[in-house]
Protein backbone atom coordinates (compact mmCIF):
# COMPACT_ATOMS: atom_id res chain seq x y z
CA UNK A 1 0.00 0.00 0.00
CA UNK A 2 1.11 3.55 -0.70
CA UNK A 3 1.87 5.60 2.36
CA UNK A 4 2.06 9.37 2.49
CA UNK A 5 5.50 10.69 1.59
CA UNK A 6 4.60 14.19 0.33
CA UNK A 7 3.99 16.87 2.97
CA UNK A 8 1.74 19.91 2.87
CA UNK A 9 4.37 22.45 1.82
CA UNK A 10 5.60 20.05 -0.86
CA UNK A 11 2.02 19.58 -2.12
CA UNK A 12 1.48 23.33 -2.39
CA UNK A 13 4.70 23.81 -4.34
CA UNK A 14 3.79 20.94 -6.69
CA UNK A 15 0.29 22.33 -7.30
CA UNK A 16 1.58 25.85 -7.97
CA UNK A 17 4.23 24.54 -10.38
CA UNK A 18 1.64 22.38 -12.12
CA UNK A 19 -0.67 25.38 -12.56
CA UNK A 20 2.17 27.53 -13.91
CA UNK A 21 3.24 24.84 -16.38
CA UNK A 22 -0.33 24.36 -17.59
CA UNK A 23 -0.75 28.11 -18.00
CA UNK A 24 2.48 28.35 -19.99
CA UNK A 25 1.40 25.48 -22.24
CA UNK A 26 -2.09 26.93 -22.75
CA UNK A 27 -0.82 30.43 -23.50
CA UNK A 28 0.99 29.29 -26.63
CA UNK A 29 4.29 30.75 -25.49
CA UNK A 30 5.98 27.34 -25.74
CA UNK A 31 6.81 25.46 -28.92
CA UNK A 32 4.81 22.28 -29.53
CA UNK A 33 7.20 19.74 -28.00
CA UNK A 34 7.87 21.95 -24.97
CA UNK A 35 4.13 22.42 -24.42
CA UNK A 36 3.58 18.65 -24.47
CA UNK A 37 6.44 18.19 -22.01
CA UNK A 38 5.08 20.93 -19.76
CA UNK A 39 1.63 19.33 -19.71
CA UNK A 40 3.13 15.92 -18.91
CA UNK A 41 5.21 17.30 -16.03
CA UNK A 42 2.20 19.29 -14.77
CA UNK A 43 0.03 16.16 -14.72
CA UNK A 44 2.68 14.19 -12.82
CA UNK A 45 3.17 17.00 -10.30
CA UNK A 46 -0.58 17.39 -9.85
CA UNK A 47 -1.19 13.67 -9.35
CA UNK A 48 1.63 13.30 -6.84
CA UNK A 49 0.28 16.30 -4.92
CA UNK A 50 -3.30 14.98 -4.90
CA UNK A 51 -2.32 11.41 -4.00
CA UNK A 52 0.30 12.57 -1.45
CA UNK A 53 2.61 9.89 -2.85
CA UNK A 54 5.67 10.33 -5.06
CA UNK A 55 7.23 7.15 -6.50
CA UNK A 56 10.62 8.85 -6.82
CA UNK A 57 10.50 9.86 -3.14
CA UNK A 58 9.63 6.26 -2.25
CA UNK A 59 12.59 4.98 -4.27
CA UNK A 60 14.94 7.46 -2.59
CA UNK A 61 13.26 6.97 0.83
CA UNK A 62 12.42 10.65 1.17
CA UNK A 63 9.44 11.75 3.30
CA UNK A 64 8.30 15.32 3.64
CA UNK A 65 5.05 14.57 5.48
CA UNK A 66 4.83 14.45 9.28
CA UNK A 67 5.10 11.06 10.98
CA UNK A 68 1.48 11.07 12.19
CA UNK A 69 0.16 11.44 8.60
CA UNK A 70 1.85 8.25 7.44
PDB file of N, CA and C in Angstrom:
ATOM      1  N   UNK A   1       0.834  -1.183   0.000  1.00  0.00           N
ATOM      2  CA  UNK A   1       0.000   0.000   0.000  1.00  0.00           C
ATOM      3  C   UNK A   1       0.883   1.252   0.000  1.00  0.00           C
ATOM      4  N   UNK A   2       0.375   2.288  -0.643  1.00  0.00           N
ATOM      5  CA  UNK A   2       1.110   3.550  -0.704  1.00  0.00           C
ATOM      6  C   UNK A   2       0.889   4.330   0.585  1.00  0.00           C
ATOM      7  N   UNK A   3       1.984   4.753   1.190  1.00  0.00           N
ATOM      8  CA  UNK A   3       1.871   5.602   2.360  1.00  0.00           C
ATOM      9  C   UNK A   3       2.235   7.026   1.963  1.00  0.00           C
ATOM     10  N   UNK A   4       1.799   7.957   2.762  1.00  0.00           N
ATOM     11  CA  UNK A   4       2.062   9.367   2.490  1.00  0.00           C
ATOM     12  C   UNK A   4       3.561   9.644   2.557  1.00  0.00           C
ATOM     13  N   UNK A   5       4.110  10.261   1.523  1.00  0.00           N
ATOM     14  CA  UNK A   5       5.505  10.691   1.587  1.00  0.00           C
ATOM     15  C   UNK A   5       5.676  12.109   1.049  1.00  0.00           C
ATOM     16  N   UNK A   6       4.561  12.806   0.809  1.00  0.00           N
ATOM     17  CA  UNK A   6       4.595  14.191   0.327  1.00  0.00           C
ATOM     18  C   UNK A   6       3.849  15.063   1.335  1.00  0.00           C
ATOM     19  N   UNK A   7       4.558  15.994   1.944  1.00  0.00           N
ATOM     20  CA  UNK A   7       3.985  16.867   2.970  1.00  0.00           C
ATOM     21  C   UNK A   7       3.196  18.029   2.390  1.00  0.00           C
ATOM     22  N   UNK A   8       2.614  18.808   3.274  1.00  0.00           N
ATOM     23  CA  UNK A   8       1.738  19.913   2.872  1.00  0.00           C
ATOM     24  C   UNK A   8       2.472  20.981   2.065  1.00  0.00           C
ATOM     25  N   UNK A   9       3.616  21.423   2.544  1.00  0.00           N
ATOM     26  CA  UNK A   9       4.373  22.453   1.817  1.00  0.00           C
ATOM     27  C   UNK A   9       4.790  21.928   0.449  1.00  0.00           C
ATOM     28  N   UNK A  10       5.210  20.681   0.391  1.00  0.00           N
ATOM     29  CA  UNK A  10       5.601  20.046  -0.864  1.00  0.00           C
ATOM     30  C   UNK A  10       4.416  19.970  -1.818  1.00  0.00           C
ATOM     31  N   UNK A  11       3.236  19.650  -1.294  1.00  0.00           N
ATOM     32  CA  UNK A  11       2.024  19.577  -2.116  1.00  0.00           C
ATOM     33  C   UNK A  11       1.685  20.933  -2.718  1.00  0.00           C
ATOM     34  N   UNK A  12       1.792  21.983  -1.902  1.00  0.00           N
ATOM     35  CA  UNK A  12       1.476  23.326  -2.386  1.00  0.00           C
ATOM     36  C   UNK A  12       2.429  23.732  -3.504  1.00  0.00           C
ATOM     37  N   UNK A  13       3.710  23.472  -3.313  1.00  0.00           N
ATOM     38  CA  UNK A  13       4.705  23.806  -4.340  1.00  0.00           C
ATOM     39  C   UNK A  13       4.416  23.037  -5.622  1.00  0.00           C
ATOM     40  N   UNK A  14       4.100  21.760  -5.502  1.00  0.00           N
ATOM     41  CA  UNK A  14       3.790  20.944  -6.685  1.00  0.00           C
ATOM     42  C   UNK A  14       2.553  21.462  -7.420  1.00  0.00           C
ATOM     43  N   UNK A  15       1.515  21.823  -6.668  1.00  0.00           N
ATOM     44  CA  UNK A  15       0.293  22.327  -7.302  1.00  0.00           C
ATOM     45  C   UNK A  15       0.516  23.671  -7.984  1.00  0.00           C
ATOM     46  N   UNK A  16       1.287  24.549  -7.358  1.00  0.00           N
ATOM     47  CA  UNK A  16       1.580  25.851  -7.966  1.00  0.00           C
ATOM     48  C   UNK A  16       2.405  25.664  -9.242  1.00  0.00           C
ATOM     49  N   UNK A  17       3.424  24.809  -9.178  1.00  0.00           N
ATOM     50  CA  UNK A  17       4.234  24.545 -10.377  1.00  0.00           C
ATOM     51  C   UNK A  17       3.400  23.917 -11.490  1.00  0.00           C
ATOM     52  N   UNK A  18       2.513  23.008 -11.123  1.00  0.00           N
ATOM     53  CA  UNK A  18       1.645  22.384 -12.125  1.00  0.00           C
ATOM     54  C   UNK A  18       0.756  23.427 -12.794  1.00  0.00           C
ATOM     55  N   UNK A  19       0.188  24.328 -12.002  1.00  0.00           N
ATOM     56  CA  UNK A  19      -0.668  25.378 -12.556  1.00  0.00           C
ATOM     57  C   UNK A  19       0.127  26.300 -13.479  1.00  0.00           C
ATOM     58  N   UNK A  20       1.335  26.664 -13.074  1.00  0.00           N
ATOM     59  CA  UNK A  20       2.175  27.528 -13.912  1.00  0.00           C
ATOM     60  C   UNK A  20       2.551  26.851 -15.221  1.00  0.00           C
ATOM     61  N   UNK A  21       2.892  25.569 -15.157  1.00  0.00           N
ATOM     62  CA  UNK A  21       3.242  24.840 -16.382  1.00  0.00           C
ATOM     63  C   UNK A  21       2.042  24.711 -17.325  1.00  0.00           C
ATOM     64  N   UNK A  22       0.878  24.441 -16.757  1.00  0.00           N
ATOM     65  CA  UNK A  22      -0.328  24.356 -17.593  1.00  0.00           C
ATOM     66  C   UNK A  22      -0.665  25.701 -18.219  1.00  0.00           C
ATOM     67  N   UNK A  23      -0.492  26.768 -17.465  1.00  0.00           N
ATOM     68  CA  UNK A  23      -0.754  28.106 -17.999  1.00  0.00           C
ATOM     69  C   UNK A  23       0.221  28.447 -19.118  1.00  0.00           C
ATOM     70  N   UNK A  24       1.478  28.095 -18.950  1.00  0.00           N
ATOM     71  CA  UNK A  24       2.479  28.353 -19.988  1.00  0.00           C
ATOM     72  C   UNK A  24       2.168  27.555 -21.255  1.00  0.00           C
ATOM     73  N   UNK A  25       1.736  26.310 -21.074  1.00  0.00           N
ATOM     74  CA  UNK A  25       1.397  25.484 -22.237  1.00  0.00           C
ATOM     75  C   UNK A  25       0.152  26.003 -22.936  1.00  0.00           C
ATOM     76  N   UNK A  26      -0.836  26.448 -22.164  1.00  0.00           N
ATOM     77  CA  UNK A  26      -2.092  26.930 -22.746  1.00  0.00           C
ATOM     78  C   UNK A  26      -1.945  28.294 -23.406  1.00  0.00           C
ATOM     79  N   UNK A  27      -0.976  29.078 -22.958  1.00  0.00           N
ATOM     80  CA  UNK A  27      -0.822  30.428 -23.502  1.00  0.00           C
ATOM     81  C   UNK A  27      -0.221  30.444 -24.900  1.00  0.00           C
ATOM     82  N   UNK A  28       0.373  29.350 -25.303  1.00  0.00           N
ATOM     83  CA  UNK A  28       0.985  29.288 -26.633  1.00  0.00           C
ATOM     84  C   UNK A  28       2.382  29.869 -26.673  1.00  0.00           C
ATOM     85  N   UNK A  29       2.945  30.171 -25.518  1.00  0.00           N
ATOM     86  CA  UNK A  29       4.291  30.753 -25.490  1.00  0.00           C
ATOM     87  C   UNK A  29       5.385  29.701 -25.620  1.00  0.00           C
ATOM     88  N   UNK A  30       5.010  28.422 -25.583  1.00  0.00           N
ATOM     89  CA  UNK A  30       5.978  27.337 -25.736  1.00  0.00           C
ATOM     90  C   UNK A  30       5.815  26.685 -27.102  1.00  0.00           C
ATOM     91  N   UNK A  31       6.917  26.207 -27.663  1.00  0.00           N
ATOM     92  CA  UNK A  31       6.814  25.457 -28.916  1.00  0.00           C
ATOM     93  C   UNK A  31       6.114  24.130 -28.636  1.00  0.00           C
ATOM     94  N   UNK A  32       5.649  23.464 -29.679  1.00  0.00           N
ATOM     95  CA  UNK A  32       4.807  22.275 -29.533  1.00  0.00           C
ATOM     96  C   UNK A  32       5.385  21.223 -28.597  1.00  0.00           C
ATOM     97  N   UNK A  33       6.620  20.815 -28.815  1.00  0.00           N
ATOM     98  CA  UNK A  33       7.196  19.741 -27.998  1.00  0.00           C
ATOM     99  C   UNK A  33       7.390  20.185 -26.557  1.00  0.00           C
ATOM    100  N   UNK A  34       7.703  21.440 -26.342  1.00  0.00           N
ATOM    101  CA  UNK A  34       7.865  21.947 -24.975  1.00  0.00           C
ATOM    102  C   UNK A  34       6.512  22.027 -24.271  1.00  0.00           C
ATOM    103  N   UNK A  35       5.468  22.359 -24.998  1.00  0.00           N
ATOM    104  CA  UNK A  35       4.128  22.421 -24.415  1.00  0.00           C
ATOM    105  C   UNK A  35       3.669  21.028 -23.990  1.00  0.00           C
ATOM    106  N   UNK A  36       3.942  20.028 -24.819  1.00  0.00           N
ATOM    107  CA  UNK A  36       3.583  18.647 -24.475  1.00  0.00           C
ATOM    108  C   UNK A  36       4.350  18.205 -23.230  1.00  0.00           C
ATOM    109  N   UNK A  37       5.626  18.523 -23.176  1.00  0.00           N
ATOM    110  CA  UNK A  37       6.435  18.189 -22.006  1.00  0.00           C
ATOM    111  C   UNK A  37       5.948  18.896 -20.757  1.00  0.00           C
ATOM    112  N   UNK A  38       5.577  20.162 -20.894  1.00  0.00           N
ATOM    113  CA  UNK A  38       5.084  20.933 -19.760  1.00  0.00           C
ATOM    114  C   UNK A  38       3.779  20.344 -19.232  1.00  0.00           C
ATOM    115  N   UNK A  39       2.891  19.936 -20.126  1.00  0.00           N
ATOM    116  CA  UNK A  39       1.626  19.334 -19.706  1.00  0.00           C
ATOM    117  C   UNK A  39       1.886  18.003 -18.999  1.00  0.00           C
ATOM    118  N   UNK A  40       2.797  17.200 -19.531  1.00  0.00           N
ATOM    119  CA  UNK A  40       3.131  15.915 -18.909  1.00  0.00           C
ATOM    120  C   UNK A  40       3.674  16.117 -17.494  1.00  0.00           C
ATOM    121  N   UNK A  41       4.621  17.024 -17.342  1.00  0.00           N
ATOM    122  CA  UNK A  41       5.208  17.299 -16.030  1.00  0.00           C
ATOM    123  C   UNK A  41       4.149  17.858 -15.085  1.00  0.00           C
ATOM    124  N   UNK A  42       3.268  18.719 -15.586  1.00  0.00           N
ATOM    125  CA  UNK A  42       2.203  19.289 -14.766  1.00  0.00           C
ATOM    126  C   UNK A  42       1.255  18.205 -14.257  1.00  0.00           C
ATOM    127  N   UNK A  43       0.917  17.258 -15.122  1.00  0.00           N
ATOM    128  CA  UNK A  43       0.029  16.162 -14.716  1.00  0.00           C
ATOM    129  C   UNK A  43       0.697  15.306 -13.641  1.00  0.00           C
ATOM    130  N   UNK A  44       1.961  14.990 -13.824  1.00  0.00           N
ATOM    131  CA  UNK A  44       2.684  14.189 -12.823  1.00  0.00           C
ATOM    132  C   UNK A  44       2.750  14.932 -11.498  1.00  0.00           C
ATOM    133  N   UNK A  45       3.102  16.208 -11.528  1.00  0.00           N
ATOM    134  CA  UNK A  45       3.169  16.996 -10.295  1.00  0.00           C
ATOM    135  C   UNK A  45       1.803  17.076  -9.624  1.00  0.00           C
ATOM    136  N   UNK A  46       0.763  17.296 -10.410  1.00  0.00           N
ATOM    137  CA  UNK A  46      -0.582  17.385  -9.852  1.00  0.00           C
ATOM    138  C   UNK A  46      -1.040  16.080  -9.222  1.00  0.00           C
ATOM    139  N   UNK A  47      -0.790  14.971  -9.899  1.00  0.00           N
ATOM    140  CA  UNK A  47      -1.192  13.674  -9.352  1.00  0.00           C
ATOM    141  C   UNK A  47      -0.438  13.339  -8.072  1.00  0.00           C
ATOM    142  N   UNK A  48       0.862  13.603  -8.051  1.00  0.00           N
ATOM    143  CA  UNK A  48       1.628  13.297  -6.837  1.00  0.00           C
ATOM    144  C   UNK A  48       1.188  14.197  -5.682  1.00  0.00           C
ATOM    145  N   UNK A  49       0.779  15.413  -5.985  1.00  0.00           N
ATOM    146  CA  UNK A  49       0.277  16.301  -4.922  1.00  0.00           C
ATOM    147  C   UNK A  49      -1.071  15.823  -4.405  1.00  0.00           C
ATOM    148  N   UNK A  50      -1.959  15.427  -5.294  1.00  0.00           N
ATOM    149  CA  UNK A  50      -3.296  14.981  -4.897  1.00  0.00           C
ATOM    150  C   UNK A  50      -3.235  13.658  -4.134  1.00  0.00           C
ATOM    151  N   UNK A  51      -2.422  12.728  -4.621  1.00  0.00           N
ATOM    152  CA  UNK A  51      -2.318  11.407  -4.000  1.00  0.00           C
ATOM    153  C   UNK A  51      -1.421  11.397  -2.758  1.00  0.00           C
ATOM    154  N   UNK A  52      -0.652  12.465  -2.562  1.00  0.00           N
ATOM    155  CA  UNK A  52       0.302  12.572  -1.455  1.00  0.00           C
ATOM    156  C   UNK A  52       1.347  11.467  -1.490  1.00  0.00           C
ATOM    157  N   UNK A  53       1.621  10.952  -2.685  1.00  0.00           N
ATOM    158  CA  UNK A  53       2.609   9.887  -2.850  1.00  0.00           C
ATOM    159  C   UNK A  53       3.434  10.169  -4.095  1.00  0.00           C
ATOM    160  N   UNK A  54       4.754  10.133  -3.945  1.00  0.00           N
ATOM    161  CA  UNK A  54       5.668  10.325  -5.061  1.00  0.00           C
ATOM    162  C   UNK A  54       6.529   9.070  -5.192  1.00  0.00           C
ATOM    163  N   UNK A  55       6.434   8.360  -6.326  1.00  0.00           N
ATOM    164  CA  UNK A  55       7.231   7.147  -6.501  1.00  0.00           C
ATOM    165  C   UNK A  55       8.739   7.399  -6.408  1.00  0.00           C
ATOM    166  N   UNK A  56       9.199   8.538  -6.901  1.00  0.00           N
ATOM    167  CA  UNK A  56      10.621   8.848  -6.818  1.00  0.00           C
ATOM    168  C   UNK A  56      11.044   9.040  -5.359  1.00  0.00           C
ATOM    169  N   UNK A  57      10.212   9.708  -4.573  1.00  0.00           N
ATOM    170  CA  UNK A  57      10.499   9.861  -3.143  1.00  0.00           C
ATOM    171  C   UNK A  57      10.557   8.489  -2.472  1.00  0.00           C
ATOM    172  N   UNK A  58       9.638   7.598  -2.841  1.00  0.00           N
ATOM    173  CA  UNK A  58       9.634   6.256  -2.251  1.00  0.00           C
ATOM    174  C   UNK A  58      10.925   5.513  -2.601  1.00  0.00           C
ATOM    175  N   UNK A  59      11.366   5.638  -3.837  1.00  0.00           N
ATOM    176  CA  UNK A  59      12.592   4.981  -4.269  1.00  0.00           C
ATOM    177  C   UNK A  59      13.805   5.510  -3.510  1.00  0.00           C
ATOM    178  N   UNK A  60      13.826   6.820  -3.286  1.00  0.00           N
ATOM    179  CA  UNK A  60      14.943   7.456  -2.587  1.00  0.00           C
ATOM    180  C   UNK A  60      14.744   7.514  -1.073  1.00  0.00           C
ATOM    181  N   UNK A  61      13.611   6.985  -0.595  1.00  0.00           N
ATOM    182  CA  UNK A  61      13.255   6.968   0.828  1.00  0.00           C
ATOM    183  C   UNK A  61      13.216   8.366   1.445  1.00  0.00           C
ATOM    184  N   UNK A  62      12.601   9.274   0.706  1.00  0.00           N
ATOM    185  CA  UNK A  62      12.419  10.651   1.169  1.00  0.00           C
ATOM    186  C   UNK A  62      10.975  10.800   1.645  1.00  0.00           C
ATOM    187  N   UNK A  63      10.785  11.457   2.782  1.00  0.00           N
ATOM    188  CA  UNK A  63       9.441  11.750   3.298  1.00  0.00           C
ATOM    189  C   UNK A  63       9.407  13.195   3.743  1.00  0.00           C
ATOM    190  N   UNK A  64       8.454  13.941   3.222  1.00  0.00           N
ATOM    191  CA  UNK A  64       8.300  15.323   3.645  1.00  0.00           C
ATOM    192  C   UNK A  64       7.014  15.517   4.450  1.00  0.00           C
ATOM    193  N   UNK A  65       6.276  14.451   4.678  1.00  0.00           N
ATOM    194  CA  UNK A  65       5.053  14.568   5.483  1.00  0.00           C
ATOM    195  C   UNK A  65       5.379  14.226   6.939  1.00  0.00           C
ATOM    196  N   UNK A  66       4.586  14.755   7.864  1.00  0.00           N
ATOM    197  CA  UNK A  66       4.826  14.453   9.276  1.00  0.00           C
ATOM    198  C   UNK A  66       4.580  12.968   9.579  1.00  0.00           C
ATOM    199  N   UNK A  67       5.192  12.487  10.623  1.00  0.00           N
ATOM    200  CA  UNK A  67       5.104  11.057  10.981  1.00  0.00           C
ATOM    201  C   UNK A  67       3.665  10.614  11.263  1.00  0.00           C
ATOM    202  N   UNK A  68       2.843  11.483  11.864  1.00  0.00           N
ATOM    203  CA  UNK A  68       1.476  11.072  12.191  1.00  0.00           C
ATOM    204  C   UNK A  68       0.580  10.929  10.969  1.00  0.00           C
ATOM    205  N   UNK A  69       0.960  11.516   9.828  1.00  0.00           N
ATOM    206  CA  UNK A  69       0.156  11.436   8.604  1.00  0.00           C
ATOM    207  C   UNK A  69       0.447  10.170   7.809  1.00  0.00           C
ATOM    208  N   UNK A  70       1.473   9.459   8.189  1.00  0.00           N
ATOM    209  CA  UNK A  70       1.854   8.246   7.443  1.00  0.00           C
ATOM    210  C   UNK A  70       0.906   7.156   7.792  1.00  0.00           C
TER     211      UNK A  70
END
